């Protein structure tokens, strides 16, 4: 694989809004866990059958007990996923999404 292709994979960004409208949500990102595809991390996506409008608000409330406004929750979640990848790179292992969430909110 060329360096240009690797850069395109690393620059790939998920459109959380579009996925949510289709009934899917990003629930995690894994760092170096799988050899199934190229790149340093993999998004974990799940089907959301109910409560699409509050999915991320409810999920973050479960992880950290904090409530976020609907208009800010996607930005917070994207930042948490980015933070998890950064933490995982520093530690050279995958950290749990809950640990990354709590660490991000404490910082």
C-alpha atoms as a PDB file:
ATOM      1  CA  UNK A   1       0.000   0.000   0.000  1.00  0.00           C
ATOM      2  CA  UNK A   2       1.348   3.419  -0.885  1.00  0.00           C
ATOM      3  CA  UNK A   3       1.967   6.224   1.583  1.00  0.00           C
ATOM      4  CA  UNK A   4      -0.749   8.260  -0.148  1.00  0.00           C
ATOM      5  CA  UNK A   5      -3.309   5.494   0.446  1.00  0.00           C
ATOM      6  CA  UNK A   6      -2.294   5.237   4.097  1.00  0.00           C
ATOM      7  CA  UNK A   7      -2.732   9.009   4.483  1.00  0.00           C
ATOM      8  CA  UNK A   8      -6.210   8.808   2.952  1.00  0.00           C
ATOM      9  CA  UNK A   9      -7.186   6.068   5.390  1.00  0.00           C
ATOM     10  CA  UNK A  10      -5.872   8.034   8.365  1.00  0.00           C
ATOM     11  CA  UNK A  11      -7.712  11.168   7.181  1.00  0.00           C
ATOM     12  CA  UNK A  12     -10.999   9.304   6.765  1.00  0.00           C
ATOM     13  CA  UNK A  13     -13.669  10.976   8.865  1.00  0.00           C
ATOM     14  CA  UNK A  14     -17.019   9.543   9.841  1.00  0.00           C
ATOM     15  CA  UNK A  15     -20.135  11.617   9.282  1.00  0.00           C
ATOM     16  CA  UNK A  16     -21.864  10.867  12.576  1.00  0.00           C
ATOM     17  CA  UNK A  17     -25.051  12.713  11.610  1.00  0.00           C
ATOM     18  CA  UNK A  18     -25.523  10.744   8.387  1.00  0.00           C
ATOM     19  CA  UNK A  19     -24.837   7.437  10.121  1.00  0.00           C
ATOM     20  CA  UNK A  20     -27.334   8.285  12.842  1.00  0.00           C
ATOM     21  CA  UNK A  21     -30.020   9.082  10.268  1.00  0.00           C
ATOM     22  CA  UNK A  22     -29.389   5.658   8.730  1.00  0.00           C
ATOM     23  CA  UNK A  23     -29.777   4.046  12.151  1.00  0.00           C
ATOM     24  CA  UNK A  24     -26.126   3.451  13.048  1.00  0.00           C
ATOM     25  CA  UNK A  25     -23.929   4.839  15.780  1.00  0.00           C
ATOM     26  CA  UNK A  26     -20.198   4.762  16.452  1.00  0.00           C
ATOM     27  CA  UNK A  27     -19.767   3.210  19.878  1.00  0.00           C
ATOM     28  CA  UNK A  28     -15.997   2.831  20.061  1.00  0.00           C
ATOM     29  CA  UNK A  29     -12.694   3.043  18.241  1.00  0.00           C
ATOM     30  CA  UNK A  30     -10.068   0.313  18.554  1.00  0.00           C
ATOM     31  CA  UNK A  31      -6.348   0.854  18.310  1.00  0.00           C
ATOM     32  CA  UNK A  32      -4.187  -1.881  16.718  1.00  0.00           C
ATOM     33  CA  UNK A  33      -6.534  -4.673  17.767  1.00  0.00           C
ATOM     34  CA  UNK A  34      -7.278  -6.181  14.392  1.00  0.00           C
ATOM     35  CA  UNK A  35      -5.366  -7.107  11.276  1.00  0.00           C
ATOM     36  CA  UNK A  36      -8.490  -7.045   9.083  1.00  0.00           C
ATOM     37  CA  UNK A  37      -7.817  -3.688   7.487  1.00  0.00           C
ATOM     38  CA  UNK A  38      -5.075  -1.135   7.083  1.00  0.00           C
ATOM     39  CA  UNK A  39      -4.691   1.823   9.375  1.00  0.00           C
ATOM     40  CA  UNK A  40      -3.976   2.343  13.032  1.00  0.00           C
ATOM     41  CA  UNK A  41      -7.523   2.314  14.318  1.00  0.00           C
ATOM     42  CA  UNK A  42     -10.990   0.875  13.574  1.00  0.00           C
ATOM     43  CA  UNK A  43     -14.383   2.383  14.342  1.00  0.00           C
ATOM     44  CA  UNK A  44     -16.922   0.078  15.990  1.00  0.00           C
ATOM     45  CA  UNK A  45     -20.400   0.788  14.618  1.00  0.00           C
ATOM     46  CA  UNK A  46     -23.708  -0.628  15.840  1.00  0.00           C
ATOM     47  CA  UNK A  47     -27.315  -0.628  14.665  1.00  0.00           C
ATOM     48  CA  UNK A  48     -29.549   1.713  16.680  1.00  0.00           C
ATOM     49  CA  UNK A  49     -33.136   0.535  16.647  1.00  0.00           C
ATOM     50  CA  UNK A  50     -34.640   2.968  19.168  1.00  0.00           C
ATOM     51  CA  UNK A  51     -34.015   6.465  20.510  1.00  0.00           C
ATOM     52  CA  UNK A  52     -31.707   7.639  17.719  1.00  0.00           C
ATOM     53  CA  UNK A  53     -32.212  11.239  18.783  1.00  0.00           C
ATOM     54  CA  UNK A  54     -30.795  10.640  22.248  1.00  0.00           C
ATOM     55  CA  UNK A  55     -28.406   7.750  21.547  1.00  0.00           C
ATOM     56  CA  UNK A  56     -25.145   9.610  22.189  1.00  0.00           C
ATOM     57  CA  UNK A  57     -26.586  11.620  25.091  1.00  0.00           C
ATOM     58  CA  UNK A  58     -27.755   8.398  26.755  1.00  0.00           C
ATOM     59  CA  UNK A  59     -24.503   6.567  26.027  1.00  0.00           C
ATOM     60  CA  UNK A  60     -22.335   9.299  27.549  1.00  0.00           C
ATOM     61  CA  UNK A  61     -24.608   9.458  30.571  1.00  0.00           C
ATOM     62  CA  UNK A  62     -24.004   5.720  31.065  1.00  0.00           C
ATOM     63  CA  UNK A  63     -20.220   6.114  30.748  1.00  0.00           C
ATOM     64  CA  UNK A  64     -19.667   9.141  32.945  1.00  0.00           C
ATOM     65  CA  UNK A  65     -22.936  10.165  34.586  1.00  0.00           C
ATOM     66  CA  UNK A  66     -22.857  13.581  32.909  1.00  0.00           C
ATOM     67  CA  UNK A  67     -25.581  14.932  30.670  1.00  0.00           C
ATOM     68  CA  UNK A  68     -24.759  16.786  27.482  1.00  0.00           C
ATOM     69  CA  UNK A  69     -26.998  18.902  25.300  1.00  0.00           C
ATOM     70  CA  UNK A  70     -28.054  17.368  22.015  1.00  0.00           C
ATOM     71  CA  UNK A  71     -26.364  20.140  20.024  1.00  0.00           C
ATOM     72  CA  UNK A  72     -22.957  19.514  21.683  1.00  0.00           C
ATOM     73  CA  UNK A  73     -22.880  15.750  22.192  1.00  0.00           C
ATOM     74  CA  UNK A  74     -21.510  14.773  18.755  1.00  0.00           C
ATOM     75  CA  UNK A  75     -18.549  17.123  19.100  1.00  0.00           C
ATOM     76  CA  UNK A  76     -17.854  15.787  22.595  1.00  0.00           C
ATOM     77  CA  UNK A  77     -18.099  12.195  21.376  1.00  0.00           C
ATOM     78  CA  UNK A  78     -15.767  12.832  18.417  1.00  0.00           C
ATOM     79  CA  UNK A  79     -13.255  14.418  20.798  1.00  0.00           C
ATOM     80  CA  UNK A  80     -13.496  11.422  23.148  1.00  0.00           C
ATOM     81  CA  UNK A  81     -12.831   9.010  20.266  1.00  0.00           C
ATOM     82  CA  UNK A  82      -9.829  11.094  19.181  1.00  0.00           C
ATOM     83  CA  UNK A  83      -8.624  11.195  22.783  1.00  0.00           C
ATOM     84  CA  UNK A  84      -8.918   7.412  23.028  1.00  0.00           C
ATOM     85  CA  UNK A  85      -6.739   6.957  19.933  1.00  0.00           C
ATOM     86  CA  UNK A  86      -4.134   9.374  21.337  1.00  0.00           C
ATOM     87  CA  UNK A  87      -4.121   7.619  24.719  1.00  0.00           C
ATOM     88  CA  UNK A  88      -3.820   4.237  23.015  1.00  0.00           C
ATOM     89  CA  UNK A  89      -0.884   5.421  20.907  1.00  0.00           C
ATOM     90  CA  UNK A  90       0.939   6.753  23.968  1.00  0.00           C
ATOM     91  CA  UNK A  91       0.335   3.530  25.917  1.00  0.00           C
ATOM     92  CA  UNK A  92       0.802   1.366  22.787  1.00  0.00           C
ATOM     93  CA  UNK A  93      -2.330  -0.606  23.634  1.00  0.00           C
ATOM     94  CA  UNK A  94      -6.054  -0.190  23.344  1.00  0.00           C
ATOM     95  CA  UNK A  95      -7.672   1.537  26.325  1.00  0.00           C
ATOM     96  CA  UNK A  96     -11.345   1.156  27.144  1.00  0.00           C
ATOM     97  CA  UNK A  97     -13.781   3.758  25.893  1.00  0.00           C
ATOM     98  CA  UNK A  98     -14.978   4.378  29.443  1.00  0.00           C
ATOM     99  CA  UNK A  99     -11.427   5.127  30.639  1.00  0.00           C
ATOM    100  CA  UNK A 100     -10.885   7.432  27.660  1.00  0.00           C
ATOM    101  CA  UNK A 101     -14.201   9.184  28.341  1.00  0.00           C
ATOM    102  CA  UNK A 102     -13.417   9.797  31.983  1.00  0.00           C
ATOM    103  CA  UNK A 103      -9.852  10.880  31.202  1.00  0.00           C
ATOM    104  CA  UNK A 104     -11.045  13.291  28.523  1.00  0.00           C
ATOM    105  CA  UNK A 105     -13.648  14.872  30.815  1.00  0.00           C
ATOM    106  CA  UNK A 106     -11.177  15.169  33.696  1.00  0.00           C
ATOM    107  CA  UNK A 107      -8.591  16.973  31.567  1.00  0.00           C
END
